[in-house]
N, C-alpha and C. Protein backbone atom coordinates (compact mmCIF):
# COMPACT_ATOMS: atom_id res chain seq x y z
N MET A 1 28.51 118.90 16.96
CA MET A 1 28.21 117.48 17.00
C MET A 1 27.35 117.18 18.22
N PRO A 2 26.37 116.30 18.05
CA PRO A 2 25.54 115.95 19.20
C PRO A 2 26.32 115.14 20.23
N MET A 3 26.00 115.39 21.49
CA MET A 3 26.61 114.59 22.54
C MET A 3 25.49 114.13 23.44
N GLN A 4 25.17 112.85 23.35
CA GLN A 4 24.10 112.30 24.14
C GLN A 4 24.62 111.09 24.89
N GLN A 5 24.10 110.91 26.08
CA GLN A 5 24.54 109.79 26.89
C GLN A 5 23.33 109.05 27.43
N LEU A 6 23.55 107.80 27.72
CA LEU A 6 22.52 106.95 28.28
C LEU A 6 23.14 106.19 29.45
N VAL A 7 22.50 106.25 30.60
CA VAL A 7 23.00 105.56 31.78
C VAL A 7 22.26 104.23 31.91
N VAL A 8 23.03 103.14 31.97
CA VAL A 8 22.46 101.79 32.01
C VAL A 8 23.02 101.06 33.22
N GLY A 9 22.12 100.45 33.97
CA GLY A 9 22.53 99.64 35.12
C GLY A 9 22.33 98.16 34.83
N ILE A 10 23.27 97.35 35.27
CA ILE A 10 23.15 95.90 35.17
C ILE A 10 23.23 95.37 36.60
N ALA A 11 22.09 94.90 37.11
CA ALA A 11 22.01 94.48 38.50
C ALA A 11 22.53 93.06 38.69
N GLY A 12 22.02 92.12 37.88
CA GLY A 12 22.43 90.73 38.04
C GLY A 12 21.71 89.83 37.07
N ALA A 13 21.85 88.54 37.29
CA ALA A 13 21.19 87.54 36.45
C ALA A 13 20.81 86.36 37.35
N ARG A 14 19.95 85.49 36.82
CA ARG A 14 19.56 84.31 37.59
C ARG A 14 19.31 83.14 36.65
N ASP A 15 19.53 81.94 37.17
CA ASP A 15 19.26 80.70 36.46
C ASP A 15 20.04 80.59 35.14
N LEU A 16 21.31 80.99 35.16
CA LEU A 16 22.13 80.94 33.95
C LEU A 16 22.52 79.51 33.59
N LEU A 17 22.96 79.33 32.34
CA LEU A 17 23.50 78.05 31.90
C LEU A 17 24.80 77.76 32.64
N MET A 18 25.09 76.48 32.78
CA MET A 18 26.38 76.06 33.33
C MET A 18 27.40 76.11 32.19
N GLY A 19 28.39 76.95 32.32
CA GLY A 19 29.40 77.08 31.28
C GLY A 19 30.66 76.30 31.56
N ASP A 20 30.80 75.84 32.80
CA ASP A 20 32.01 75.13 33.20
C ASP A 20 31.69 73.70 33.63
N LEU A 21 32.68 72.85 33.59
CA LEU A 21 32.51 71.44 33.97
C LEU A 21 32.17 71.27 35.44
N ASN A 22 32.46 72.27 36.27
CA ASN A 22 32.16 72.17 37.70
C ASN A 22 30.70 72.48 38.02
N GLY A 23 29.86 72.64 36.99
CA GLY A 23 28.43 72.89 37.19
C GLY A 23 28.09 74.34 37.44
N SER A 24 29.02 75.22 37.21
CA SER A 24 28.82 76.64 37.46
C SER A 24 29.24 77.44 36.23
N SER A 25 29.34 78.74 36.40
CA SER A 25 29.85 79.65 35.36
C SER A 25 30.60 80.77 36.04
N ASP A 26 31.38 81.48 35.26
CA ASP A 26 32.04 82.71 35.70
C ASP A 26 31.52 83.83 34.80
N PRO A 27 30.25 84.23 35.01
CA PRO A 27 29.59 85.11 34.05
C PRO A 27 30.00 86.58 34.14
N PHE A 28 29.90 87.22 32.98
CA PHE A 28 30.01 88.67 32.88
C PHE A 28 29.16 89.10 31.70
N VAL A 29 28.87 90.39 31.61
CA VAL A 29 28.03 90.93 30.54
C VAL A 29 28.83 91.94 29.74
N GLN A 30 28.71 91.83 28.42
CA GLN A 30 29.29 92.82 27.51
C GLN A 30 28.13 93.63 26.95
N LEU A 31 28.14 94.93 27.16
CA LEU A 31 27.07 95.82 26.75
C LEU A 31 27.50 96.63 25.54
N THR A 32 26.67 96.63 24.49
CA THR A 32 26.98 97.34 23.25
C THR A 32 25.73 98.05 22.74
N VAL A 33 25.92 99.23 22.15
CA VAL A 33 24.84 99.98 21.50
C VAL A 33 24.81 99.57 20.03
N LEU A 34 23.62 99.23 19.52
CA LEU A 34 23.49 98.78 18.13
C LEU A 34 22.72 99.78 17.28
N ASP A 35 23.05 99.80 15.97
CA ASP A 35 22.30 100.62 15.02
C ASP A 35 21.16 99.79 14.41
N ALA A 36 20.47 100.36 13.44
CA ALA A 36 19.31 99.70 12.83
C ALA A 36 19.67 98.40 12.12
N LYS A 37 20.93 98.24 11.72
CA LYS A 37 21.36 97.00 11.05
C LYS A 37 21.87 95.96 12.04
N GLY A 38 21.83 96.30 13.34
CA GLY A 38 22.33 95.38 14.35
C GLY A 38 23.83 95.42 14.52
N GLU A 39 24.45 96.47 13.97
CA GLU A 39 25.91 96.64 14.07
C GLU A 39 26.25 97.54 15.26
N PRO A 40 27.36 97.28 15.94
CA PRO A 40 27.76 98.13 17.06
C PRO A 40 28.07 99.56 16.62
N LEU A 41 27.64 100.52 17.42
CA LEU A 41 27.96 101.93 17.19
C LEU A 41 29.18 102.27 18.05
N ALA A 42 30.30 102.52 17.41
CA ALA A 42 31.55 102.76 18.13
C ALA A 42 31.44 103.94 19.09
N ALA A 43 30.74 104.99 18.68
CA ALA A 43 30.61 106.18 19.54
C ALA A 43 29.79 105.89 20.79
N GLY A 44 28.99 104.84 20.75
CA GLY A 44 28.20 104.47 21.92
C GLY A 44 29.03 103.78 22.98
N GLY A 45 30.15 103.22 22.56
CA GLY A 45 31.03 102.53 23.50
C GLY A 45 30.65 101.08 23.69
N SER A 46 31.55 100.33 24.29
CA SER A 46 31.32 98.94 24.64
C SER A 46 31.81 98.77 26.07
N PHE A 47 31.04 98.09 26.89
CA PHE A 47 31.34 98.00 28.32
C PHE A 47 31.21 96.57 28.79
N LYS A 48 31.93 96.25 29.86
CA LYS A 48 31.85 94.90 30.45
C LYS A 48 31.69 95.02 31.95
N THR A 49 30.86 94.14 32.50
CA THR A 49 30.79 94.03 33.95
C THR A 49 32.02 93.26 34.43
N ARG A 50 32.23 93.24 35.70
CA ARG A 50 33.28 92.39 36.26
C ARG A 50 32.83 90.94 36.15
N VAL A 51 33.75 90.01 36.23
CA VAL A 51 33.44 88.58 36.21
C VAL A 51 32.98 88.17 37.60
N ALA A 52 31.84 87.49 37.67
CA ALA A 52 31.35 86.93 38.93
C ALA A 52 31.76 85.46 38.95
N LYS A 53 32.57 85.08 39.90
CA LYS A 53 33.16 83.74 39.94
C LYS A 53 32.19 82.68 40.45
N LYS A 54 32.17 81.54 39.77
CA LYS A 54 31.47 80.31 40.19
C LYS A 54 30.05 80.55 40.67
N THR A 55 29.20 81.06 39.78
CA THR A 55 27.81 81.32 40.14
C THR A 55 26.91 81.24 38.92
N LEU A 56 25.66 80.87 39.15
CA LEU A 56 24.63 80.89 38.10
C LEU A 56 23.64 82.02 38.38
N ALA A 57 23.89 82.78 39.45
CA ALA A 57 23.03 83.90 39.83
C ALA A 57 23.91 85.08 40.26
N PRO A 58 24.65 85.66 39.32
CA PRO A 58 25.57 86.74 39.66
C PRO A 58 24.85 88.03 40.05
N GLU A 59 25.50 88.80 40.91
CA GLU A 59 25.05 90.15 41.24
C GLU A 59 26.18 91.11 40.91
N TRP A 60 25.93 92.00 39.96
CA TRP A 60 26.95 92.96 39.56
C TRP A 60 26.69 94.35 40.14
N ASN A 61 25.45 94.81 40.03
CA ASN A 61 25.09 96.15 40.49
C ASN A 61 26.07 97.20 39.97
N GLU A 62 26.26 97.19 38.65
CA GLU A 62 27.17 98.13 38.00
C GLU A 62 26.39 99.08 37.09
N THR A 63 26.88 100.29 36.96
CA THR A 63 26.25 101.31 36.12
C THR A 63 27.26 101.80 35.09
N PHE A 64 26.77 101.96 33.85
CA PHE A 64 27.63 102.41 32.75
C PHE A 64 26.99 103.61 32.07
N THR A 65 27.82 104.57 31.66
CA THR A 65 27.35 105.71 30.90
C THR A 65 27.79 105.51 29.46
N LEU A 66 26.81 105.30 28.58
CA LEU A 66 27.09 105.04 27.18
C LEU A 66 27.05 106.35 26.41
N GLY A 67 27.97 106.48 25.48
CA GLY A 67 28.00 107.65 24.63
C GLY A 67 29.27 108.45 24.82
N SER A 68 29.58 109.23 23.83
CA SER A 68 30.78 110.07 23.84
C SER A 68 30.53 111.23 22.89
N ARG A 69 31.52 112.07 22.75
CA ARG A 69 31.39 113.18 21.81
C ARG A 69 31.10 112.61 20.42
N GLY A 70 30.07 113.15 19.78
CA GLY A 70 29.70 112.67 18.46
C GLY A 70 28.70 111.53 18.48
N PHE A 71 28.34 111.06 19.67
CA PHE A 71 27.36 109.98 19.76
C PHE A 71 25.97 110.55 19.55
N ASP A 72 25.27 110.05 18.55
CA ASP A 72 23.91 110.48 18.25
C ASP A 72 22.96 109.36 18.65
N LEU A 73 22.25 109.57 19.73
CA LEU A 73 21.34 108.55 20.24
C LEU A 73 20.28 108.17 19.21
N CYS A 74 19.97 109.08 18.29
CA CYS A 74 18.98 108.80 17.25
C CYS A 74 19.45 107.69 16.30
N ALA A 75 20.75 107.50 16.17
CA ALA A 75 21.29 106.45 15.30
C ALA A 75 21.24 105.08 15.96
N ALA A 76 21.02 105.06 17.27
CA ALA A 76 20.99 103.80 18.01
C ALA A 76 19.57 103.25 18.06
N THR A 77 19.44 101.94 17.91
CA THR A 77 18.10 101.34 17.97
C THR A 77 17.92 100.36 19.12
N SER A 78 19.02 99.79 19.62
CA SER A 78 18.88 98.84 20.72
C SER A 78 20.17 98.70 21.52
N LEU A 79 20.03 98.08 22.67
CA LEU A 79 21.16 97.75 23.52
C LEU A 79 21.31 96.23 23.51
N ARG A 80 22.53 95.75 23.33
CA ARG A 80 22.79 94.31 23.36
C ARG A 80 23.57 93.98 24.64
N PHE A 81 23.00 93.06 25.42
CA PHE A 81 23.63 92.56 26.62
C PHE A 81 24.04 91.12 26.34
N LEU A 82 25.30 90.90 26.00
CA LEU A 82 25.80 89.57 25.70
C LEU A 82 26.33 88.97 27.00
N VAL A 83 25.74 87.84 27.42
CA VAL A 83 26.14 87.19 28.66
C VAL A 83 27.15 86.10 28.32
N LEU A 84 28.33 86.19 28.93
CA LEU A 84 29.43 85.27 28.62
C LEU A 84 29.95 84.59 29.89
N ASP A 85 30.58 83.43 29.68
CA ASP A 85 31.26 82.71 30.75
C ASP A 85 32.76 82.91 30.53
N PHE A 86 33.42 83.54 31.48
CA PHE A 86 34.85 83.82 31.38
C PHE A 86 35.64 82.51 31.46
N ASP A 87 36.53 82.30 30.50
CA ASP A 87 37.31 81.07 30.46
C ASP A 87 38.82 81.30 30.47
N GLY A 88 39.26 82.46 30.85
CA GLY A 88 40.70 82.71 30.98
C GLY A 88 41.44 82.66 29.67
N LEU A 89 42.26 81.64 29.49
CA LEU A 89 43.10 81.54 28.29
C LEU A 89 42.33 81.10 27.06
N LYS A 90 41.18 80.44 27.26
CA LYS A 90 40.37 79.99 26.13
C LYS A 90 39.36 81.08 25.76
N ARG A 91 38.67 80.86 24.65
CA ARG A 91 37.63 81.78 24.23
C ARG A 91 36.45 81.70 25.21
N ASP A 92 35.92 82.84 25.60
CA ASP A 92 34.78 82.87 26.52
C ASP A 92 33.56 82.24 25.86
N ASP A 93 32.79 81.48 26.65
CA ASP A 93 31.58 80.83 26.14
C ASP A 93 30.42 81.81 26.18
N VAL A 94 29.60 81.81 25.13
CA VAL A 94 28.40 82.65 25.10
C VAL A 94 27.29 81.90 25.84
N LEU A 95 26.69 82.56 26.83
CA LEU A 95 25.59 81.98 27.58
C LEU A 95 24.24 82.45 27.07
N GLY A 96 24.23 83.53 26.29
CA GLY A 96 22.99 84.04 25.72
C GLY A 96 23.05 85.55 25.57
N VAL A 97 21.93 86.11 25.14
CA VAL A 97 21.88 87.55 24.85
C VAL A 97 20.51 88.10 25.21
N VAL A 98 20.50 89.38 25.56
CA VAL A 98 19.27 90.15 25.72
C VAL A 98 19.44 91.39 24.85
N GLU A 99 18.45 91.66 24.00
CA GLU A 99 18.47 92.91 23.23
C GLU A 99 17.25 93.72 23.62
N VAL A 100 17.48 94.96 24.03
CA VAL A 100 16.40 95.84 24.47
C VAL A 100 16.30 97.00 23.49
N PRO A 101 15.15 97.12 22.80
CA PRO A 101 14.96 98.25 21.88
C PRO A 101 14.99 99.57 22.66
N LEU A 102 15.66 100.57 22.11
CA LEU A 102 15.78 101.85 22.81
C LEU A 102 14.46 102.58 22.92
N ASP A 103 13.49 102.25 22.08
CA ASP A 103 12.20 102.92 22.22
C ASP A 103 11.49 102.49 23.51
N LEU A 104 11.99 101.46 24.18
CA LEU A 104 11.41 101.02 25.45
C LEU A 104 12.04 101.72 26.65
N VAL A 105 13.12 102.47 26.44
CA VAL A 105 13.84 103.04 27.57
C VAL A 105 13.57 104.54 27.76
N ALA A 106 12.36 104.97 27.46
CA ALA A 106 12.01 106.37 27.63
C ALA A 106 11.94 106.76 29.11
N CYS A 107 11.68 105.79 29.95
CA CYS A 107 11.62 106.04 31.39
C CYS A 107 12.44 104.97 32.10
N PRO A 108 12.77 105.19 33.36
CA PRO A 108 13.56 104.18 34.07
C PRO A 108 12.89 102.81 34.04
N MET A 109 13.69 101.78 33.84
CA MET A 109 13.17 100.41 33.74
C MET A 109 13.82 99.57 34.83
N ASP A 110 13.02 98.70 35.43
CA ASP A 110 13.51 97.83 36.49
C ASP A 110 12.85 96.47 36.30
N ASP A 111 13.28 95.76 35.25
CA ASP A 111 12.64 94.51 34.87
C ASP A 111 13.66 93.39 34.70
N TRP A 112 13.16 92.17 34.69
CA TRP A 112 13.95 90.99 34.33
C TRP A 112 13.69 90.69 32.86
N TYR A 113 14.75 90.40 32.10
CA TYR A 113 14.63 90.10 30.67
C TYR A 113 15.14 88.69 30.40
N ARG A 114 14.40 87.95 29.61
CA ARG A 114 14.78 86.57 29.30
C ARG A 114 16.02 86.56 28.41
N ILE A 115 16.97 85.72 28.79
CA ILE A 115 18.19 85.54 28.00
C ILE A 115 17.89 84.53 26.90
N VAL A 116 18.21 84.86 25.66
CA VAL A 116 17.90 83.98 24.53
C VAL A 116 19.17 83.51 23.84
N LYS A 117 19.00 82.51 23.03
CA LYS A 117 20.10 81.89 22.30
C LYS A 117 20.65 82.82 21.21
N VAL A 118 21.95 82.76 21.01
CA VAL A 118 22.61 83.42 19.88
C VAL A 118 22.89 82.31 18.88
N PRO A 119 22.02 82.12 17.86
CA PRO A 119 22.11 80.94 16.99
C PRO A 119 23.47 80.69 16.37
N GLU A 120 24.15 81.74 15.91
CA GLU A 120 25.43 81.54 15.24
C GLU A 120 26.57 81.25 16.21
N LEU A 121 26.34 81.41 17.51
CA LEU A 121 27.40 81.21 18.50
C LEU A 121 27.12 80.11 19.52
N MET A 122 25.90 79.56 19.50
CA MET A 122 25.52 78.59 20.53
C MET A 122 24.91 77.35 19.92
N ILE A 123 25.20 76.20 20.53
CA ILE A 123 24.60 74.94 20.09
C ILE A 123 23.32 74.68 20.88
N CYS A 124 23.37 74.86 22.19
CA CYS A 124 22.20 74.58 23.03
C CYS A 124 21.40 75.86 23.25
N ASP A 125 20.19 75.70 23.76
CA ASP A 125 19.35 76.85 24.06
C ASP A 125 19.90 77.60 25.26
N ALA A 126 19.61 78.89 25.30
CA ALA A 126 20.00 79.71 26.45
C ALA A 126 18.94 79.57 27.52
N LYS A 127 19.27 80.00 28.73
CA LYS A 127 18.29 80.05 29.80
C LYS A 127 18.68 81.14 30.77
N GLY A 128 17.74 81.52 31.60
CA GLY A 128 17.98 82.52 32.61
C GLY A 128 17.43 83.87 32.25
N GLU A 129 17.63 84.81 33.18
CA GLU A 129 17.13 86.17 33.02
C GLU A 129 18.20 87.17 33.48
N LEU A 130 18.13 88.36 32.90
CA LEU A 130 19.06 89.44 33.22
C LEU A 130 18.29 90.62 33.76
N HIS A 131 18.82 91.27 34.78
CA HIS A 131 18.16 92.42 35.41
C HIS A 131 19.10 93.61 35.35
C-alpha cells in the first residue's frame, strides 16, 4: 500500500469576521484532505489548530503531517481549510473556507489566501485571509 505524507503549516489569519457579540472571534482552523468529488479522504486525516482567544488576527504557527498508511496522495485533489469561531457548548460558527488545489503545492508555498463564503453554512459573506 502506498504511504505518502504532506506537511502543511498554518501560520495565521487576518481581518476575520466577528463571530462573537463582543466584536471578536475565537478562531481555529480545521484542515481536511479532499478527493475529486470534494469529499474528505479519511486516510488523509483531519486536523485542527488550537483556538486563538478573542482575536480577528490569530497566529497559530502550527504544522501538521497529513497522511497515514494506505494514504494515496494521487487520490487527493485539494486541501480544505475551514475557519471556525469556537463557541464552547454551542455549534461553532463558520467564518469561511480556503481550498487549495494540490497541484499548486509542488513546491513550498508562503502565501496569503482569501477566505471565502461557504454558501450552505453562512448567511453573510466571508472576509479575511489565511496564511
